[in-house]
């Protein structure tokens, strides 16, 4: 998680509208478990995407797929990737830090604006980062439906019961 702190701080400094989702969000909500990648839901309006991609370029991230980072800007590309290749996330890596893998959702799996309003601000280093609410995280995990997601849902529901 520490190796994502610089990036998350930069997202806040650049006023990118994003939500930490996936395993890192589960951890930030208080359930300790292993995860390697950082999953982000990013507001897909053109201005926000431009700011996000400019930051990712500055930080040195590259797409895992054989496409340009700027290809993510085009909504038609994202739709085509999903329909033709089943691509739900656009994966980025850092050539100098192989442990850093970032998955950006190619579409709004839940309505972003509504989820953004319900987000939780979680302290990280010298700033606060945007994390999807527990309720929205459960919805995202239900949609994914993998065995790890089922375990995460149970853990999140158990934590809600005891808080």
C-alpha atoms as a PDB file:
ATOM      1  CA  UNK A   1       0.000   0.000   0.000  1.00  0.00           C
ATOM      2  CA  UNK A   2       2.847   2.368   0.808  1.00  0.00           C
ATOM      3  CA  UNK A   3       4.024   2.407  -2.792  1.00  0.00           C
ATOM      4  CA  UNK A   4       0.655   3.841  -3.857  1.00  0.00           C
ATOM      5  CA  UNK A   5       0.729   6.675  -1.321  1.00  0.00           C
ATOM      6  CA  UNK A   6       2.593   9.087  -3.635  1.00  0.00           C
ATOM      7  CA  UNK A   7       0.151   8.444  -6.477  1.00  0.00           C
ATOM      8  CA  UNK A   8      -2.944   8.800  -4.279  1.00  0.00           C
ATOM      9  CA  UNK A   9      -1.600  12.047  -2.816  1.00  0.00           C
ATOM     10  CA  UNK A  10      -0.968  13.322  -6.362  1.00  0.00           C
ATOM     11  CA  UNK A  11      -4.524  12.408  -7.417  1.00  0.00           C
ATOM     12  CA  UNK A  12      -5.817  14.547  -4.558  1.00  0.00           C
ATOM     13  CA  UNK A  13      -3.432  17.425  -5.342  1.00  0.00           C
ATOM     14  CA  UNK A  14      -4.551  17.428  -8.998  1.00  0.00           C
ATOM     15  CA  UNK A  15      -8.239  17.277  -7.965  1.00  0.00           C
ATOM     16  CA  UNK A  16      -8.855  14.079  -9.906  1.00  0.00           C
ATOM     17  CA  UNK A  17     -12.251  12.613  -9.077  1.00  0.00           C
ATOM     18  CA  UNK A  18     -11.567   8.952  -8.294  1.00  0.00           C
ATOM     19  CA  UNK A  19     -12.533   6.249  -5.837  1.00  0.00           C
ATOM     20  CA  UNK A  20     -10.274   3.561  -4.431  1.00  0.00           C
ATOM     21  CA  UNK A  21     -12.173   0.290  -4.884  1.00  0.00           C
ATOM     22  CA  UNK A  22     -11.242  -3.402  -4.789  1.00  0.00           C
ATOM     23  CA  UNK A  23      -8.941  -5.040  -2.277  1.00  0.00           C
ATOM     24  CA  UNK A  24      -7.224  -1.825  -1.191  1.00  0.00           C
ATOM     25  CA  UNK A  25     -10.642  -0.344  -0.355  1.00  0.00           C
ATOM     26  CA  UNK A  26     -11.445  -3.458   1.700  1.00  0.00           C
ATOM     27  CA  UNK A  27      -8.191  -2.923   3.619  1.00  0.00           C
ATOM     28  CA  UNK A  28      -8.896   0.788   4.108  1.00  0.00           C
ATOM     29  CA  UNK A  29     -12.298  -0.121   5.534  1.00  0.00           C
ATOM     30  CA  UNK A  30     -10.482  -2.168   8.173  1.00  0.00           C
ATOM     31  CA  UNK A  31     -10.276  -5.775   6.954  1.00  0.00           C
ATOM     32  CA  UNK A  32      -6.714  -7.022   6.671  1.00  0.00           C
ATOM     33  CA  UNK A  33      -6.097  -9.101   3.574  1.00  0.00           C
ATOM     34  CA  UNK A  34      -3.502  -9.401   0.835  1.00  0.00           C
ATOM     35  CA  UNK A  35      -3.793  -7.555  -2.446  1.00  0.00           C
ATOM     36  CA  UNK A  36      -1.264  -6.549  -5.062  1.00  0.00           C
ATOM     37  CA  UNK A  37      -3.012  -4.050  -7.303  1.00  0.00           C
ATOM     38  CA  UNK A  38      -4.749  -0.732  -6.804  1.00  0.00           C
ATOM     39  CA  UNK A  39      -8.234  -0.625  -8.336  1.00  0.00           C
ATOM     40  CA  UNK A  40      -9.627   2.788  -9.196  1.00  0.00           C
ATOM     41  CA  UNK A  41     -12.979   3.987 -10.408  1.00  0.00           C
ATOM     42  CA  UNK A  42     -12.284   7.306 -12.137  1.00  0.00           C
ATOM     43  CA  UNK A  43     -14.892   9.845 -13.195  1.00  0.00           C
ATOM     44  CA  UNK A  44     -15.035   9.340 -16.969  1.00  0.00           C
ATOM     45  CA  UNK A  45     -15.920  12.894 -17.987  1.00  0.00           C
ATOM     46  CA  UNK A  46     -13.335  14.205 -20.501  1.00  0.00           C
ATOM     47  CA  UNK A  47     -11.740  16.856 -18.258  1.00  0.00           C
ATOM     48  CA  UNK A  48     -11.259  14.423 -15.369  1.00  0.00           C
ATOM     49  CA  UNK A  49      -9.875  11.710 -17.659  1.00  0.00           C
ATOM     50  CA  UNK A  50      -7.434  14.223 -19.214  1.00  0.00           C
ATOM     51  CA  UNK A  51      -6.183  15.291 -15.782  1.00  0.00           C
ATOM     52  CA  UNK A  52      -5.887  11.677 -14.644  1.00  0.00           C
ATOM     53  CA  UNK A  53      -3.975  10.551 -17.759  1.00  0.00           C
ATOM     54  CA  UNK A  54      -1.632  13.548 -17.636  1.00  0.00           C
ATOM     55  CA  UNK A  55      -0.782  12.643 -14.053  1.00  0.00           C
ATOM     56  CA  UNK A  56      -0.229   8.972 -14.912  1.00  0.00           C
ATOM     57  CA  UNK A  57       2.145  10.007 -17.719  1.00  0.00           C
ATOM     58  CA  UNK A  58       4.037  12.336 -15.384  1.00  0.00           C
ATOM     59  CA  UNK A  59       4.379   9.510 -12.868  1.00  0.00           C
ATOM     60  CA  UNK A  60       5.697   7.152 -15.575  1.00  0.00           C
ATOM     61  CA  UNK A  61       2.845   4.630 -15.776  1.00  0.00           C
ATOM     62  CA  UNK A  62       2.281   2.684 -18.999  1.00  0.00           C
ATOM     63  CA  UNK A  63      -0.634   0.531 -20.240  1.00  0.00           C
ATOM     64  CA  UNK A  64      -0.140  -3.230 -20.058  1.00  0.00           C
ATOM     65  CA  UNK A  65      -2.119  -3.620 -23.289  1.00  0.00           C
ATOM     66  CA  UNK A  66      -0.363  -2.681 -26.547  1.00  0.00           C
ATOM     67  CA  UNK A  67      -2.174   0.669 -26.810  1.00  0.00           C
ATOM     68  CA  UNK A  68      -1.396   4.286 -26.030  1.00  0.00           C
ATOM     69  CA  UNK A  69      -2.331   5.729 -22.652  1.00  0.00           C
ATOM     70  CA  UNK A  70      -4.317   8.362 -24.555  1.00  0.00           C
ATOM     71  CA  UNK A  71      -6.486   5.626 -26.112  1.00  0.00           C
ATOM     72  CA  UNK A  72      -8.275   5.440 -22.743  1.00  0.00           C
ATOM     73  CA  UNK A  73      -9.670   8.963 -23.361  1.00  0.00           C
ATOM     74  CA  UNK A  74     -11.918   7.751 -26.151  1.00  0.00           C
ATOM     75  CA  UNK A  75     -15.197   6.317 -24.848  1.00  0.00           C
ATOM     76  CA  UNK A  76     -15.634   4.270 -28.042  1.00  0.00           C
ATOM     77  CA  UNK A  77     -12.271   2.580 -27.409  1.00  0.00           C
ATOM     78  CA  UNK A  78     -13.343   1.599 -23.898  1.00  0.00           C
ATOM     79  CA  UNK A  79     -16.657   0.192 -25.206  1.00  0.00           C
ATOM     80  CA  UNK A  80     -14.859  -1.722 -27.959  1.00  0.00           C
ATOM     81  CA  UNK A  81     -12.316  -3.152 -25.500  1.00  0.00           C
ATOM     82  CA  UNK A  82     -15.145  -4.438 -23.338  1.00  0.00           C
ATOM     83  CA  UNK A  83     -17.300  -5.857 -26.138  1.00  0.00           C
ATOM     84  CA  UNK A  84     -14.479  -7.398 -28.177  1.00  0.00           C
ATOM     85  CA  UNK A  85     -11.996  -8.393 -25.500  1.00  0.00           C
ATOM     86  CA  UNK A  86     -14.066  -8.552 -22.301  1.00  0.00           C
ATOM     87  CA  UNK A  87     -11.795  -5.852 -20.877  1.00  0.00           C
ATOM     88  CA  UNK A  88     -13.341  -4.520 -17.676  1.00  0.00           C
ATOM     89  CA  UNK A  89     -10.222  -2.727 -16.435  1.00  0.00           C
ATOM     90  CA  UNK A  90      -7.437  -0.823 -18.146  1.00  0.00           C
ATOM     91  CA  UNK A  91      -4.243  -1.989 -16.423  1.00  0.00           C
ATOM     92  CA  UNK A  92      -1.261   0.270 -15.910  1.00  0.00           C
ATOM     93  CA  UNK A  93       2.194  -0.647 -14.659  1.00  0.00           C
ATOM     94  CA  UNK A  94       5.324   1.243 -13.732  1.00  0.00           C
ATOM     95  CA  UNK A  95       8.386   0.065 -15.698  1.00  0.00           C
ATOM     96  CA  UNK A  96      10.756   0.745 -12.788  1.00  0.00           C
ATOM     97  CA  UNK A  97       8.551  -0.627  -9.991  1.00  0.00           C
ATOM     98  CA  UNK A  98       7.072  -3.947 -11.054  1.00  0.00           C
ATOM     99  CA  UNK A  99       5.025  -4.295  -7.849  1.00  0.00           C
ATOM    100  CA  UNK A 100       2.865  -1.327  -8.867  1.00  0.00           C
ATOM    101  CA  UNK A 101      -0.158  -2.366 -10.888  1.00  0.00           C
ATOM    102  CA  UNK A 102      -3.161  -0.088 -11.244  1.00  0.00           C
ATOM    103  CA  UNK A 103      -6.481  -1.186 -12.703  1.00  0.00           C
ATOM    104  CA  UNK A 104      -8.838   1.541 -13.946  1.00  0.00           C
ATOM    105  CA  UNK A 105     -12.433   0.526 -14.662  1.00  0.00           C
ATOM    106  CA  UNK A 106     -13.307   1.123 -18.326  1.00  0.00           C
ATOM    107  CA  UNK A 107     -16.933   1.959 -17.527  1.00  0.00           C
ATOM    108  CA  UNK A 108     -19.079   3.017 -14.603  1.00  0.00           C
ATOM    109  CA  UNK A 109     -19.922  -0.260 -12.921  1.00  0.00           C
ATOM    110  CA  UNK A 110     -21.980   1.814 -10.480  1.00  0.00           C
ATOM    111  CA  UNK A 111     -23.113   5.422 -11.089  1.00  0.00           C
ATOM    112  CA  UNK A 112     -19.886   7.335 -10.370  1.00  0.00           C
ATOM    113  CA  UNK A 113     -21.374  10.669  -9.330  1.00  0.00           C
ATOM    114  CA  UNK A 114     -23.641   9.056  -6.741  1.00  0.00           C
ATOM    115  CA  UNK A 115     -20.845   6.839  -5.404  1.00  0.00           C
ATOM    116  CA  UNK A 116     -18.501   9.841  -5.279  1.00  0.00           C
ATOM    117  CA  UNK A 117     -20.978  11.727  -3.085  1.00  0.00           C
ATOM    118  CA  UNK A 118     -21.115   8.738  -0.696  1.00  0.00           C
ATOM    119  CA  UNK A 119     -17.332   8.259  -0.590  1.00  0.00           C
ATOM    120  CA  UNK A 120     -15.351   8.071   2.619  1.00  0.00           C
ATOM    121  CA  UNK A 121     -12.271  10.239   3.072  1.00  0.00           C
ATOM    122  CA  UNK A 122      -9.529   8.143   4.642  1.00  0.00           C
ATOM    123  CA  UNK A 123      -6.273   9.583   6.011  1.00  0.00           C
ATOM    124  CA  UNK A 124      -3.155   8.473   4.177  1.00  0.00           C
ATOM    125  CA  UNK A 125       0.117  10.190   4.943  1.00  0.00           C
ATOM    126  CA  UNK A 126      -0.364  13.935   4.811  1.00  0.00           C
ATOM    127  CA  UNK A 127      -3.684  13.871   2.964  1.00  0.00           C
ATOM    128  CA  UNK A 128      -7.100  12.251   2.784  1.00  0.00           C
ATOM    129  CA  UNK A 129      -7.971   9.929  -0.086  1.00  0.00           C
ATOM    130  CA  UNK A 130     -11.324   9.069  -1.698  1.00  0.00           C
ATOM    131  CA  UNK A 131     -12.470   5.538  -0.884  1.00  0.00           C
ATOM    132  CA  UNK A 132     -15.720   3.979  -2.054  1.00  0.00           C
ATOM    133  CA  UNK A 133     -18.327   3.602   0.710  1.00  0.00           C
ATOM    134  CA  UNK A 134     -18.800   0.182   2.290  1.00  0.00           C
ATOM    135  CA  UNK A 135     -22.257  -0.136   0.713  1.00  0.00           C
ATOM    136  CA  UNK A 136     -20.974   0.657  -2.781  1.00  0.00           C
ATOM    137  CA  UNK A 137     -17.969  -1.609  -2.287  1.00  0.00           C
ATOM    138  CA  UNK A 138     -20.313  -4.487  -1.435  1.00  0.00           C
ATOM    139  CA  UNK A 139     -22.285  -3.801  -4.641  1.00  0.00           C
ATOM    140  CA  UNK A 140     -19.079  -3.802  -6.708  1.00  0.00           C
ATOM    141  CA  UNK A 141     -17.936  -7.025  -5.056  1.00  0.00           C
ATOM    142  CA  UNK A 142     -21.339  -8.653  -5.710  1.00  0.00           C
ATOM    143  CA  UNK A 143     -21.064  -7.729  -9.402  1.00  0.00           C
ATOM    144  CA  UNK A 144     -17.573  -9.256  -9.646  1.00  0.00           C
ATOM    145  CA  UNK A 145     -18.658 -12.408  -7.792  1.00  0.00           C
ATOM    146  CA  UNK A 146     -15.255 -14.129  -7.546  1.00  0.00           C
ATOM    147  CA  UNK A 147     -14.469 -16.263  -4.468  1.00  0.00           C
ATOM    148  CA  UNK A 148     -12.311 -13.486  -2.948  1.00  0.00           C
ATOM    149  CA  UNK A 149     -15.154 -11.012  -3.503  1.00  0.00           C
ATOM    150  CA  UNK A 150     -17.589 -13.268  -1.627  1.00  0.00           C
ATOM    151  CA  UNK A 151     -15.149 -13.409   1.309  1.00  0.00           C
ATOM    152  CA  UNK A 152     -14.698  -9.629   1.197  1.00  0.00           C
ATOM    153  CA  UNK A 153     -18.471  -9.070   1.219  1.00  0.00           C
ATOM    154  CA  UNK A 154     -18.851 -11.239   4.312  1.00  0.00           C
ATOM    155  CA  UNK A 155     -15.980  -9.435   6.065  1.00  0.00           C
ATOM    156  CA  UNK A 156     -17.422  -6.018   5.199  1.00  0.00           C
ATOM    157  CA  UNK A 157     -20.883  -7.016   6.434  1.00  0.00           C
ATOM    158  CA  UNK A 158     -19.402  -8.439   9.646  1.00  0.00           C
ATOM    159  CA  UNK A 159     -17.464  -5.228  10.266  1.00  0.00           C
ATOM    160  CA  UNK A 160     -20.604  -3.124   9.716  1.00  0.00           C
ATOM    161  CA  UNK A 161     -22.427  -5.244  12.286  1.00  0.00           C
ATOM    162  CA  UNK A 162     -19.761  -4.655  14.934  1.00  0.00           C
ATOM    163  CA  UNK A 163     -19.292  -0.903  14.365  1.00  0.00           C
END
